[in-house]
Amino acid sequence: MRKLAKIKVGKLGYSFLVRSEAEGDGMISNIHEIYSAAVLAKDIGCDYFEVKPSYNYKNDVAHSLVKHSPERMQELRQEMEKLDDLVDESFSVTKAITLDSSIDGVRKHQVKKYTTCPTTELRTLITPLGTYVCPYWRGKENFMVGDAKTTNFKELWNSFERRSIQSWLDPSKHCSQIHCLRDESNVEILNLINNKQIDVLDEYDRFI
């Protein structure tokens, strides 16, 4: 990343995933490392440093925020306050959209009444092992739309495989247990499609 920082065009940064004992399986807290990780990010030439909450994947489907202890979340607040000292014209600190909900111990349940996902027409996930309809279905073969290593992206995007997945993907069924960061975006896009009045996104989608 130091080498990339010297030749980059655009922005370079990395994300820090908050972990603690609440996740089980012998996990230990890394919250005390947030400030030093941000110092490192700035030192190697990053433009930004992002702090993200952790999610629960234990039942192979659910994507809900992990509820950490109040003591750990107080420690996280203190670490986040220290990050302000690092911010200047060339370096910023960002929080993932759901970080405050994690700090406050809030678990939001999303009821998805829509049956199509317009956000998947705007973005996708490309990995070394395949391209998937969205990040939440990474590694799931029936949500894999192709392989960018063997197929150019234009062909992949217009492929029968992707269109087939788009036709049967139903968020109200397939994503009912997932806390999706694009839920509000989907609602507003569908409102636009249906010529309805739209609201300002509270937890906005930075991509859109």
N, C-alpha and C. Protein backbone atom coordinates (compact mmCIF):
# COMPACT_ATOMS: atom_id res chain seq x y z
N MET A 1 0.82 -1.21 0.00
CA MET A 1 0.00 0.00 0.00
C MET A 1 0.86 1.26 0.00
N ARG A 2 2.05 1.18 0.59
CA ARG A 2 2.96 2.34 0.49
C ARG A 2 3.32 2.61 -0.96
N LYS A 3 3.56 1.54 -1.72
CA LYS A 3 3.90 1.71 -3.13
C LYS A 3 2.71 2.23 -3.92
N LEU A 4 1.54 1.73 -3.61
CA LEU A 4 0.33 2.20 -4.29
C LEU A 4 0.09 3.68 -3.99
N ALA A 5 0.36 4.10 -2.76
CA ALA A 5 0.13 5.49 -2.37
C ALA A 5 0.96 6.46 -3.21
N LYS A 6 2.13 6.00 -3.67
CA LYS A 6 3.01 6.88 -4.45
C LYS A 6 2.56 7.02 -5.90
N ILE A 7 1.78 6.07 -6.40
CA ILE A 7 1.39 6.10 -7.81
C ILE A 7 -0.12 6.15 -8.00
N LYS A 8 -0.87 6.27 -6.92
CA LYS A 8 -2.33 6.16 -6.98
C LYS A 8 -2.96 7.28 -7.81
N VAL A 9 -4.06 6.93 -8.44
CA VAL A 9 -4.94 7.90 -9.09
C VAL A 9 -6.29 7.71 -8.42
N GLY A 10 -6.74 8.69 -7.67
CA GLY A 10 -7.95 8.51 -6.87
C GLY A 10 -7.61 8.35 -5.41
N LYS A 11 -8.48 7.66 -4.67
CA LYS A 11 -8.34 7.54 -3.22
C LYS A 11 -7.87 6.15 -2.81
N LEU A 12 -7.06 6.11 -1.76
CA LEU A 12 -6.58 4.85 -1.21
C LEU A 12 -6.90 4.82 0.28
N GLY A 13 -7.44 3.71 0.74
CA GLY A 13 -7.74 3.60 2.16
C GLY A 13 -8.02 2.17 2.54
N TYR A 14 -8.28 1.94 3.82
CA TYR A 14 -8.68 0.60 4.22
C TYR A 14 -9.66 0.65 5.39
N SER A 15 -10.36 -0.47 5.58
CA SER A 15 -11.38 -0.56 6.61
C SER A 15 -10.91 -1.39 7.79
N PHE A 16 -11.35 -1.01 8.95
CA PHE A 16 -11.04 -1.73 10.19
C PHE A 16 -12.34 -2.34 10.69
N LEU A 17 -12.38 -3.67 10.82
CA LEU A 17 -13.58 -4.37 11.27
C LEU A 17 -13.53 -4.58 12.78
N VAL A 18 -14.50 -4.01 13.49
CA VAL A 18 -14.56 -4.11 14.95
C VAL A 18 -14.94 -5.53 15.37
N ARG A 19 -14.12 -6.13 16.21
CA ARG A 19 -14.39 -7.49 16.71
C ARG A 19 -14.32 -7.49 18.24
N SER A 20 -15.03 -8.42 18.86
CA SER A 20 -14.93 -8.56 20.32
C SER A 20 -15.34 -9.96 20.73
N GLU A 21 -15.26 -10.22 22.04
CA GLU A 21 -15.58 -11.53 22.59
C GLU A 21 -17.03 -11.95 22.33
N ALA A 22 -17.89 -10.97 22.06
CA ALA A 22 -19.31 -11.26 21.84
C ALA A 22 -19.54 -12.19 20.65
N GLU A 23 -18.55 -12.28 19.76
CA GLU A 23 -18.70 -13.13 18.58
C GLU A 23 -18.42 -14.59 18.86
N GLY A 24 -17.88 -14.91 20.05
CA GLY A 24 -17.64 -16.29 20.42
C GLY A 24 -16.47 -16.90 19.66
N ASP A 25 -16.37 -18.23 19.71
CA ASP A 25 -15.33 -18.98 18.99
C ASP A 25 -13.92 -18.50 19.32
N GLY A 26 -13.72 -18.04 20.56
CA GLY A 26 -12.39 -17.62 20.99
C GLY A 26 -11.97 -16.25 20.50
N MET A 27 -12.90 -15.50 19.89
CA MET A 27 -12.56 -14.16 19.40
C MET A 27 -12.17 -13.25 20.55
N ILE A 28 -11.16 -12.42 20.34
CA ILE A 28 -10.77 -11.42 21.33
C ILE A 28 -10.98 -10.04 20.73
N SER A 29 -11.06 -9.05 21.59
CA SER A 29 -11.34 -7.69 21.13
C SER A 29 -10.12 -7.07 20.43
N ASN A 30 -10.40 -6.33 19.35
CA ASN A 30 -9.34 -5.57 18.68
C ASN A 30 -9.61 -4.07 18.76
N ILE A 31 -10.59 -3.69 19.59
CA ILE A 31 -11.00 -2.29 19.66
C ILE A 31 -9.85 -1.38 20.08
N HIS A 32 -8.99 -1.87 20.96
CA HIS A 32 -7.87 -1.06 21.44
C HIS A 32 -6.85 -0.77 20.34
N GLU A 33 -6.98 -1.43 19.20
CA GLU A 33 -6.02 -1.25 18.10
C GLU A 33 -6.49 -0.23 17.05
N ILE A 34 -7.69 0.31 17.22
CA ILE A 34 -8.27 1.18 16.18
C ILE A 34 -7.40 2.41 15.94
N TYR A 35 -7.02 3.09 17.01
CA TYR A 35 -6.24 4.32 16.84
C TYR A 35 -4.89 4.04 16.18
N SER A 36 -4.19 3.00 16.64
CA SER A 36 -2.88 2.70 16.06
C SER A 36 -3.02 2.26 14.60
N ALA A 37 -4.14 1.59 14.26
CA ALA A 37 -4.37 1.21 12.87
C ALA A 37 -4.58 2.44 12.00
N ALA A 38 -5.28 3.43 12.52
CA ALA A 38 -5.50 4.67 11.78
C ALA A 38 -4.19 5.43 11.59
N VAL A 39 -3.35 5.45 12.62
CA VAL A 39 -2.03 6.08 12.52
C VAL A 39 -1.22 5.41 11.42
N LEU A 40 -1.28 4.08 11.37
CA LEU A 40 -0.58 3.33 10.33
C LEU A 40 -1.13 3.67 8.95
N ALA A 41 -2.46 3.75 8.83
CA ALA A 41 -3.07 4.08 7.55
C ALA A 41 -2.57 5.43 7.04
N LYS A 42 -2.52 6.40 7.91
CA LYS A 42 -2.05 7.72 7.52
C LYS A 42 -0.57 7.70 7.16
N ASP A 43 0.21 6.95 7.92
CA ASP A 43 1.65 6.88 7.70
C ASP A 43 2.00 6.27 6.34
N ILE A 44 1.25 5.26 5.90
CA ILE A 44 1.58 4.61 4.64
C ILE A 44 1.02 5.33 3.43
N GLY A 45 0.28 6.45 3.67
CA GLY A 45 -0.18 7.27 2.56
C GLY A 45 -1.63 7.12 2.18
N CYS A 46 -2.43 6.52 3.07
CA CYS A 46 -3.86 6.39 2.78
C CYS A 46 -4.55 7.76 2.85
N ASP A 47 -5.61 7.88 2.08
CA ASP A 47 -6.42 9.10 2.10
C ASP A 47 -7.52 9.02 3.15
N TYR A 48 -7.91 7.79 3.49
CA TYR A 48 -8.98 7.63 4.48
C TYR A 48 -8.83 6.33 5.25
N PHE A 49 -9.52 6.28 6.37
CA PHE A 49 -9.57 5.11 7.25
C PHE A 49 -11.02 4.94 7.67
N GLU A 50 -11.57 3.73 7.50
CA GLU A 50 -12.98 3.49 7.80
C GLU A 50 -13.11 2.47 8.92
N VAL A 51 -14.04 2.72 9.84
CA VAL A 51 -14.33 1.80 10.92
C VAL A 51 -15.69 1.15 10.64
N LYS A 52 -15.72 -0.20 10.67
CA LYS A 52 -16.93 -0.94 10.31
C LYS A 52 -17.33 -1.89 11.44
N PRO A 53 -18.64 -2.08 11.65
CA PRO A 53 -19.10 -3.04 12.66
C PRO A 53 -19.06 -4.46 12.12
N SER A 54 -19.10 -5.44 13.00
CA SER A 54 -19.10 -6.84 12.59
C SER A 54 -20.54 -7.36 12.57
N TYR A 55 -20.74 -8.38 11.73
CA TYR A 55 -22.06 -8.97 11.54
C TYR A 55 -22.05 -10.45 11.91
N ASN A 56 -23.22 -10.96 12.21
CA ASN A 56 -23.38 -12.35 12.59
C ASN A 56 -23.71 -13.21 11.38
N TYR A 57 -22.89 -14.21 11.10
CA TYR A 57 -23.11 -15.12 9.98
C TYR A 57 -23.31 -16.56 10.46
N LYS A 58 -23.55 -16.76 11.72
CA LYS A 58 -23.47 -18.11 12.28
C LYS A 58 -24.47 -19.09 11.70
N ASN A 59 -25.66 -18.61 11.29
CA ASN A 59 -26.61 -19.56 10.72
C ASN A 59 -26.53 -19.62 9.21
N ASP A 60 -25.44 -19.06 8.65
CA ASP A 60 -25.15 -19.14 7.22
C ASP A 60 -26.05 -18.26 6.37
N VAL A 61 -27.00 -17.57 7.01
CA VAL A 61 -27.90 -16.72 6.24
C VAL A 61 -27.99 -15.33 6.86
N ALA A 62 -28.21 -15.28 8.17
CA ALA A 62 -28.46 -14.01 8.84
C ALA A 62 -27.30 -13.05 8.67
N HIS A 63 -27.63 -11.78 8.56
CA HIS A 63 -26.61 -10.74 8.44
C HIS A 63 -27.02 -9.62 9.38
N SER A 64 -26.95 -9.91 10.68
CA SER A 64 -27.37 -8.95 11.70
C SER A 64 -26.16 -8.44 12.46
N LEU A 65 -26.28 -7.22 12.97
CA LEU A 65 -25.18 -6.63 13.71
C LEU A 65 -24.90 -7.43 14.98
N VAL A 66 -23.62 -7.66 15.25
CA VAL A 66 -23.23 -8.31 16.50
C VAL A 66 -23.46 -7.32 17.65
N LYS A 67 -24.06 -7.80 18.71
CA LYS A 67 -24.30 -6.95 19.87
C LYS A 67 -23.16 -7.13 20.86
N HIS A 68 -22.25 -6.15 20.90
CA HIS A 68 -21.11 -6.19 21.80
C HIS A 68 -21.53 -5.69 23.18
N SER A 69 -20.69 -5.90 24.16
CA SER A 69 -21.01 -5.47 25.52
C SER A 69 -20.95 -3.95 25.62
N PRO A 70 -21.73 -3.36 26.55
CA PRO A 70 -21.68 -1.90 26.75
C PRO A 70 -20.27 -1.41 27.06
N GLU A 71 -19.50 -2.22 27.79
CA GLU A 71 -18.12 -1.83 28.15
C GLU A 71 -17.26 -1.71 26.89
N ARG A 72 -17.41 -2.67 25.98
CA ARG A 72 -16.64 -2.62 24.73
C ARG A 72 -17.07 -1.44 23.88
N MET A 73 -18.36 -1.14 23.86
CA MET A 73 -18.84 -0.03 23.03
C MET A 73 -18.41 1.32 23.60
N GLN A 74 -18.26 1.40 24.93
CA GLN A 74 -17.72 2.62 25.51
C GLN A 74 -16.26 2.78 25.12
N GLU A 75 -15.53 1.67 25.10
CA GLU A 75 -14.13 1.69 24.65
C GLU A 75 -14.06 2.13 23.19
N LEU A 76 -15.02 1.68 22.38
CA LEU A 76 -15.04 2.06 20.97
C LEU A 76 -15.30 3.55 20.81
N ARG A 77 -16.21 4.09 21.60
CA ARG A 77 -16.48 5.54 21.55
C ARG A 77 -15.20 6.33 21.84
N GLN A 78 -14.46 5.89 22.84
CA GLN A 78 -13.22 6.59 23.21
C GLN A 78 -12.18 6.51 22.09
N GLU A 79 -12.08 5.34 21.46
CA GLU A 79 -11.14 5.19 20.35
C GLU A 79 -11.54 6.09 19.19
N MET A 80 -12.84 6.16 18.90
CA MET A 80 -13.32 6.99 17.79
C MET A 80 -13.03 8.47 18.05
N GLU A 81 -13.15 8.90 19.29
CA GLU A 81 -12.86 10.30 19.63
C GLU A 81 -11.40 10.63 19.39
N LYS A 82 -10.52 9.68 19.66
CA LYS A 82 -9.08 9.90 19.46
C LYS A 82 -8.73 10.08 17.98
N LEU A 83 -9.55 9.51 17.10
CA LEU A 83 -9.27 9.59 15.68
C LEU A 83 -9.38 11.01 15.13
N ASP A 84 -10.13 11.86 15.82
CA ASP A 84 -10.31 13.24 15.34
C ASP A 84 -8.97 13.96 15.20
N ASP A 85 -8.02 13.59 16.05
CA ASP A 85 -6.71 14.26 16.03
C ASP A 85 -5.93 13.97 14.75
N LEU A 86 -6.30 12.91 14.03
CA LEU A 86 -5.56 12.51 12.83
C LEU A 86 -6.10 13.17 11.56
N VAL A 87 -7.29 13.71 11.64
CA VAL A 87 -7.96 14.24 10.45
C VAL A 87 -7.33 15.57 10.02
N ASP A 88 -7.02 15.67 8.74
CA ASP A 88 -6.54 16.93 8.17
C ASP A 88 -6.97 16.99 6.70
N GLU A 89 -6.41 17.90 5.92
CA GLU A 89 -6.84 18.08 4.54
C GLU A 89 -6.56 16.85 3.67
N SER A 90 -5.59 16.05 4.06
CA SER A 90 -5.20 14.91 3.22
C SER A 90 -5.63 13.56 3.80
N PHE A 91 -6.25 13.55 4.98
CA PHE A 91 -6.61 12.29 5.61
C PHE A 91 -7.95 12.43 6.33
N SER A 92 -8.87 11.51 6.05
CA SER A 92 -10.19 11.55 6.68
C SER A 92 -10.50 10.22 7.35
N VAL A 93 -11.40 10.28 8.31
CA VAL A 93 -11.88 9.09 9.00
C VAL A 93 -13.37 8.98 8.74
N THR A 94 -13.81 7.81 8.29
CA THR A 94 -15.24 7.61 8.02
C THR A 94 -15.76 6.46 8.87
N LYS A 95 -17.07 6.50 9.08
CA LYS A 95 -17.75 5.43 9.81
C LYS A 95 -18.69 4.72 8.85
N ALA A 96 -18.74 3.40 8.94
CA ALA A 96 -19.73 2.66 8.17
C ALA A 96 -21.12 3.11 8.59
N ILE A 97 -22.06 3.00 7.67
CA ILE A 97 -23.41 3.50 7.89
C ILE A 97 -24.03 2.95 9.17
N THR A 98 -23.75 1.69 9.49
CA THR A 98 -24.40 1.05 10.64
C THR A 98 -23.55 1.05 11.91
N LEU A 99 -22.44 1.76 11.92
CA LEU A 99 -21.58 1.72 13.10
C LEU A 99 -22.27 2.29 14.34
N ASP A 100 -22.98 3.40 14.20
CA ASP A 100 -23.67 3.99 15.35
C ASP A 100 -24.71 3.05 15.92
N SER A 101 -25.41 2.32 15.03
CA SER A 101 -26.39 1.34 15.51
C SER A 101 -25.71 0.26 16.32
N SER A 102 -24.52 -0.15 15.88
CA SER A 102 -23.76 -1.17 16.61
C SER A 102 -23.33 -0.64 17.97
N ILE A 103 -22.84 0.60 18.01
CA ILE A 103 -22.39 1.21 19.27
C ILE A 103 -23.56 1.31 20.25
N ASP A 104 -24.73 1.66 19.74
CA ASP A 104 -25.91 1.84 20.60
C ASP A 104 -26.61 0.52 20.92
N GLY A 105 -26.11 -0.58 20.35
CA GLY A 105 -26.71 -1.88 20.63
C GLY A 105 -28.06 -2.09 19.98
N VAL A 106 -28.29 -1.40 18.85
CA VAL A 106 -29.58 -1.49 18.16
C VAL A 106 -29.50 -2.52 17.04
N ARG A 107 -30.44 -3.45 17.04
CA ARG A 107 -30.53 -4.44 15.97
C ARG A 107 -31.79 -4.13 15.15
N LYS A 108 -31.61 -3.65 13.96
CA LYS A 108 -32.75 -3.29 13.12
C LYS A 108 -33.19 -4.49 12.30
N HIS A 109 -34.49 -4.78 12.38
CA HIS A 109 -35.04 -5.84 11.54
C HIS A 109 -35.70 -5.20 10.33
N GLN A 110 -35.30 -5.63 9.17
CA GLN A 110 -35.84 -5.07 7.93
C GLN A 110 -36.92 -5.98 7.36
N VAL A 111 -38.08 -5.40 7.12
CA VAL A 111 -39.14 -6.11 6.43
C VAL A 111 -39.12 -5.64 4.98
N LYS A 112 -38.70 -6.51 4.10
CA LYS A 112 -38.56 -6.15 2.68
C LYS A 112 -39.84 -6.54 1.94
N LYS A 113 -40.60 -5.55 1.54
CA LYS A 113 -41.87 -5.80 0.86
C LYS A 113 -41.70 -5.83 -0.66
N TYR A 114 -40.52 -5.47 -1.13
CA TYR A 114 -40.29 -5.46 -2.58
C TYR A 114 -39.74 -6.80 -3.03
N THR A 115 -39.99 -7.13 -4.28
CA THR A 115 -39.65 -8.46 -4.81
C THR A 115 -38.54 -8.43 -5.85
N THR A 116 -38.02 -7.25 -6.14
CA THR A 116 -36.86 -7.13 -7.02
C THR A 116 -35.82 -6.25 -6.33
N CYS A 117 -34.55 -6.38 -6.77
CA CYS A 117 -33.47 -5.61 -6.14
C CYS A 117 -32.81 -4.72 -7.19
N PRO A 118 -33.28 -3.47 -7.34
CA PRO A 118 -32.70 -2.59 -8.35
C PRO A 118 -31.24 -2.23 -8.09
N THR A 119 -30.80 -2.29 -6.83
CA THR A 119 -29.40 -1.96 -6.54
C THR A 119 -28.45 -2.92 -7.24
N THR A 120 -28.87 -4.17 -7.44
CA THR A 120 -28.00 -5.13 -8.12
C THR A 120 -27.86 -4.83 -9.60
N GLU A 121 -28.65 -3.88 -10.11
CA GLU A 121 -28.48 -3.43 -11.49
C GLU A 121 -27.46 -2.29 -11.57
N LEU A 122 -27.01 -1.84 -10.40
CA LEU A 122 -26.08 -0.71 -10.33
C LEU A 122 -24.70 -1.10 -9.82
N ARG A 123 -24.62 -2.24 -9.13
CA ARG A 123 -23.35 -2.64 -8.54
C ARG A 123 -23.31 -4.16 -8.43
N THR A 124 -22.10 -4.69 -8.29
CA THR A 124 -21.94 -6.14 -8.17
C THR A 124 -20.69 -6.41 -7.34
N LEU A 125 -20.35 -7.67 -7.17
CA LEU A 125 -19.16 -8.02 -6.41
C LEU A 125 -18.26 -8.91 -7.26
N ILE A 126 -17.03 -8.45 -7.50
CA ILE A 126 -16.06 -9.23 -8.26
C ILE A 126 -14.99 -9.74 -7.30
N THR A 127 -14.77 -11.06 -7.28
CA THR A 127 -13.76 -11.66 -6.42
C THR A 127 -12.86 -12.55 -7.27
N PRO A 128 -11.73 -12.99 -6.74
CA PRO A 128 -10.87 -13.91 -7.50
C PRO A 128 -11.54 -15.23 -7.83
N LEU A 129 -12.60 -15.57 -7.08
CA LEU A 129 -13.28 -16.85 -7.27
C LEU A 129 -14.60 -16.73 -8.01
N GLY A 130 -14.91 -15.55 -8.50
CA GLY A 130 -16.16 -15.39 -9.24
C GLY A 130 -16.80 -14.04 -9.00
N THR A 131 -17.81 -13.73 -9.81
CA THR A 131 -18.57 -12.49 -9.68
C THR A 131 -19.97 -12.84 -9.19
N TYR A 132 -20.41 -12.13 -8.15
CA TYR A 132 -21.68 -12.46 -7.51
C TYR A 132 -22.65 -11.30 -7.60
N VAL A 133 -23.92 -11.65 -7.52
CA VAL A 133 -24.97 -10.65 -7.71
C VAL A 133 -24.88 -9.55 -6.66
N CYS A 134 -24.40 -9.88 -5.46
CA CYS A 134 -24.17 -8.85 -4.43
C CYS A 134 -23.25 -9.42 -3.36
N PRO A 135 -22.64 -8.57 -2.51
CA PRO A 135 -21.68 -9.04 -1.52
C PRO A 135 -22.24 -10.03 -0.52
N TYR A 136 -23.55 -9.94 -0.22
CA TYR A 136 -24.12 -10.81 0.80
C TYR A 136 -24.19 -12.26 0.34
N TRP A 137 -24.08 -12.49 -0.96
CA TRP A 137 -24.16 -13.86 -1.49
C TRP A 137 -22.81 -14.33 -2.01
N ARG A 138 -21.76 -13.72 -1.53
CA ARG A 138 -20.40 -14.14 -1.87
C ARG A 138 -20.21 -15.62 -1.57
N GLY A 139 -19.68 -16.35 -2.56
CA GLY A 139 -19.38 -17.76 -2.37
C GLY A 139 -20.55 -18.70 -2.59
N LYS A 140 -21.77 -18.17 -2.80
CA LYS A 140 -22.93 -19.00 -3.05
C LYS A 140 -23.07 -19.23 -4.56
N GLU A 141 -22.91 -20.48 -4.98
CA GLU A 141 -22.84 -20.78 -6.41
C GLU A 141 -24.08 -20.35 -7.18
N ASN A 142 -25.26 -20.49 -6.58
CA ASN A 142 -26.47 -20.13 -7.32
C ASN A 142 -26.68 -18.63 -7.43
N PHE A 143 -25.79 -17.83 -6.79
CA PHE A 143 -25.83 -16.38 -6.94
C PHE A 143 -24.61 -15.87 -7.71
N MET A 144 -23.86 -16.77 -8.27
CA MET A 144 -22.67 -16.41 -9.05
C MET A 144 -23.08 -16.12 -10.50
N VAL A 145 -22.71 -14.93 -10.99
CA VAL A 145 -23.14 -14.52 -12.34
C VAL A 145 -22.07 -14.76 -13.39
N GLY A 146 -20.89 -15.21 -12.98
CA GLY A 146 -19.83 -15.48 -13.94
C GLY A 146 -18.46 -15.29 -13.32
N ASP A 147 -17.46 -15.32 -14.17
CA ASP A 147 -16.07 -15.21 -13.72
C ASP A 147 -15.37 -14.15 -14.57
N ALA A 148 -14.97 -13.05 -13.93
CA ALA A 148 -14.34 -11.94 -14.64
C ALA A 148 -12.94 -12.31 -15.15
N LYS A 149 -12.39 -13.41 -14.68
CA LYS A 149 -11.07 -13.83 -15.16
C LYS A 149 -11.16 -14.45 -16.56
N THR A 150 -12.32 -15.03 -16.87
CA THR A 150 -12.47 -15.73 -18.15
C THR A 150 -13.45 -15.06 -19.10
N THR A 151 -14.24 -14.10 -18.60
CA THR A 151 -15.25 -13.43 -19.42
C THR A 151 -15.11 -11.93 -19.24
N ASN A 152 -15.07 -11.18 -20.34
CA ASN A 152 -14.97 -9.73 -20.16
C ASN A 152 -16.24 -9.20 -19.51
N PHE A 153 -16.10 -8.07 -18.83
CA PHE A 153 -17.18 -7.63 -17.95
C PHE A 153 -18.46 -7.30 -18.73
N LYS A 154 -18.34 -6.74 -19.91
CA LYS A 154 -19.54 -6.40 -20.68
C LYS A 154 -20.35 -7.66 -20.99
N GLU A 155 -19.66 -8.71 -21.42
CA GLU A 155 -20.34 -9.97 -21.70
C GLU A 155 -20.93 -10.57 -20.43
N LEU A 156 -20.18 -10.50 -19.35
CA LEU A 156 -20.65 -11.03 -18.08
C LEU A 156 -21.91 -10.31 -17.63
N TRP A 157 -21.89 -8.99 -17.71
CA TRP A 157 -23.01 -8.18 -17.25
C TRP A 157 -24.27 -8.41 -18.07
N ASN A 158 -24.09 -8.68 -19.35
CA ASN A 158 -25.24 -8.91 -20.24
C ASN A 158 -25.55 -10.39 -20.43
N SER A 159 -24.94 -11.24 -19.64
CA SER A 159 -25.06 -12.67 -19.82
C SER A 159 -26.44 -13.20 -19.41
N PHE A 160 -26.75 -14.37 -19.96
CA PHE A 160 -27.99 -15.06 -19.59
C PHE A 160 -27.97 -15.42 -18.12
N GLU A 161 -26.81 -15.81 -17.60
CA GLU A 161 -26.70 -16.22 -16.20
C GLU A 161 -27.10 -15.08 -15.26
N ARG A 162 -26.58 -13.88 -15.53
CA ARG A 162 -26.92 -12.76 -14.64
C ARG A 162 -28.39 -12.41 -14.75
N ARG A 163 -28.91 -12.36 -15.97
CA ARG A 163 -30.32 -12.02 -16.16
C ARG A 163 -31.22 -13.07 -15.52
N SER A 164 -30.79 -14.32 -15.57
CA SER A 164 -31.58 -15.39 -14.96
C SER A 164 -31.67 -15.21 -13.46
N ILE A 165 -30.52 -14.91 -12.83
CA ILE A 165 -30.51 -14.68 -11.39
C ILE A 165 -31.37 -13.47 -11.04
N GLN A 166 -31.25 -12.40 -11.82
CA GLN A 166 -32.04 -11.20 -11.56
C GLN A 166 -33.54 -11.49 -11.62
N SER A 167 -33.93 -12.42 -12.49
CA SER A 167 -35.36 -12.68 -12.69
C SER A 167 -35.98 -13.43 -11.52
N TRP A 168 -35.19 -14.29 -10.83
CA TRP A 168 -35.78 -15.04 -9.72
C TRP A 168 -35.39 -14.54 -8.35
N LEU A 169 -34.38 -13.66 -8.28
CA LEU A 169 -33.97 -13.11 -6.98
C LEU A 169 -35.11 -12.28 -6.37
N ASP A 170 -35.58 -12.67 -5.22
CA ASP A 170 -36.70 -12.01 -4.55
C ASP A 170 -36.25 -11.63 -3.13
N PRO A 171 -35.93 -10.33 -2.90
CA PRO A 171 -35.45 -9.92 -1.57
C PRO A 171 -36.42 -10.24 -0.44
N SER A 172 -37.72 -10.24 -0.72
CA SER A 172 -38.69 -10.53 0.33
C SER A 172 -38.57 -11.96 0.83
N LYS A 173 -37.98 -12.83 0.00
CA LYS A 173 -37.79 -14.23 0.38
C LYS A 173 -36.32 -14.55 0.66
N HIS A 174 -35.47 -14.30 -0.34
CA HIS A 174 -34.08 -14.70 -0.22
C HIS A 174 -33.31 -13.85 0.81
N CYS A 175 -33.71 -12.62 0.99
CA CYS A 175 -32.94 -11.68 1.84
C CYS A 175 -33.72 -11.28 3.09
N SER A 176 -34.74 -12.04 3.45
CA SER A 176 -35.60 -11.65 4.56
C SER A 176 -34.87 -11.61 5.90
N GLN A 177 -33.80 -12.42 6.06
CA GLN A 177 -33.05 -12.47 7.31
C GLN A 177 -31.78 -11.63 7.28
N ILE A 178 -31.55 -10.96 6.16
CA ILE A 178 -30.32 -10.19 6.00
C ILE A 178 -30.56 -8.72 6.34
N HIS A 179 -29.64 -8.13 7.11
CA HIS A 179 -29.68 -6.68 7.31
C HIS A 179 -28.89 -6.06 6.17
N CYS A 180 -29.61 -5.56 5.17
CA CYS A 180 -28.99 -5.09 3.93
C CYS A 180 -28.75 -3.59 3.97
N LEU A 181 -27.53 -3.17 3.70
CA LEU A 181 -27.21 -1.75 3.68
C LEU A 181 -27.91 -1.03 2.54
N ARG A 182 -28.40 -1.76 1.53
CA ARG A 182 -29.03 -1.13 0.36
C ARG A 182 -30.55 -1.13 0.44
N ASP A 183 -31.10 -1.49 1.59
CA ASP A 183 -32.55 -1.57 1.72
C ASP A 183 -33.22 -0.23 1.41
N GLU A 184 -32.78 0.83 2.07
CA GLU A 184 -33.39 2.15 1.83
C GLU A 184 -33.17 2.60 0.40
N SER A 185 -32.01 2.28 -0.16
CA SER A 185 -31.74 2.63 -1.55
C SER A 185 -32.73 1.94 -2.47
N ASN A 186 -32.98 0.66 -2.23
CA ASN A 186 -33.95 -0.07 -3.05
C ASN A 186 -35.33 0.56 -2.97
N VAL A 187 -35.75 0.91 -1.76
CA VAL A 187 -37.07 1.53 -1.58
C VAL A 187 -37.18 2.82 -2.38
N GLU A 188 -36.14 3.66 -2.30
CA GLU A 188 -36.20 4.95 -2.99
C GLU A 188 -36.10 4.79 -4.50
N ILE A 189 -35.26 3.86 -4.96
CA ILE A 189 -35.16 3.62 -6.41
C ILE A 189 -36.50 3.14 -6.95
N LEU A 190 -37.15 2.23 -6.23
CA LEU A 190 -38.45 1.73 -6.67
C LEU A 190 -39.51 2.83 -6.64
N ASN A 191 -39.39 3.75 -5.67
CA ASN A 191 -40.29 4.90 -5.66
C ASN A 191 -40.08 5.78 -6.89
N LEU A 192 -38.82 5.96 -7.27
CA LEU A 192 -38.52 6.72 -8.48
C LEU A 192 -39.11 6.03 -9.71
N ILE A 193 -38.91 4.72 -9.78
CA ILE A 193 -39.44 3.96 -10.92
C ILE A 193 -40.95 4.10 -11.00
N ASN A 194 -41.61 4.11 -9.85
CA ASN A 194 -43.07 4.18 -9.80
C ASN A 194 -43.59 5.61 -9.70
N ASN A 195 -42.67 6.59 -9.92
CA ASN A 195 -43.05 8.01 -9.92
C ASN A 195 -43.69 8.47 -8.61
N LYS A 196 -43.15 7.96 -7.51
CA LYS A 196 -43.65 8.38 -6.21
C LYS A 196 -42.69 9.38 -5.58
N GLN A 197 -43.20 10.12 -4.61
CA GLN A 197 -42.37 11.06 -3.88
C GLN A 197 -41.30 10.30 -3.11
N ILE A 198 -40.04 10.78 -3.11
CA ILE A 198 -38.99 10.11 -2.37
C ILE A 198 -38.57 10.95 -1.17
N ASP A 199 -38.06 10.26 -0.18
CA ASP A 199 -37.56 10.91 1.04
C ASP A 199 -36.05 10.97 1.00
N VAL A 200 -35.48 11.82 1.83
CA VAL A 200 -34.02 11.85 1.98
C VAL A 200 -33.61 10.60 2.75
N LEU A 201 -32.58 9.92 2.28
CA LEU A 201 -32.13 8.71 2.95
C LEU A 201 -31.48 9.05 4.28
N ASP A 202 -31.98 8.44 5.36
CA ASP A 202 -31.36 8.65 6.67
C ASP A 202 -29.99 7.98 6.72
N GLU A 203 -29.96 6.70 6.34
CA GLU A 203 -28.69 5.99 6.24
C GLU A 203 -28.36 5.90 4.77
N TYR A 204 -27.75 6.94 4.24
CA TYR A 204 -27.64 7.08 2.80
C TYR A 204 -26.64 6.11 2.18
N ASP A 205 -26.87 5.82 0.93
CA ASP A 205 -26.00 4.97 0.15
C ASP A 205 -24.97 5.87 -0.52
N ARG A 206 -23.72 5.80 -0.08
CA ARG A 206 -22.69 6.70 -0.62
C ARG A 206 -22.47 6.46 -2.11
N PHE A 207 -22.68 5.22 -2.56
CA PHE A 207 -22.47 4.91 -3.97
C PHE A 207 -23.46 5.68 -4.84
N ILE A 208 -24.75 5.64 -4.45
CA ILE A 208 -25.77 6.34 -5.24
C ILE A 208 -25.71 7.83 -5.00
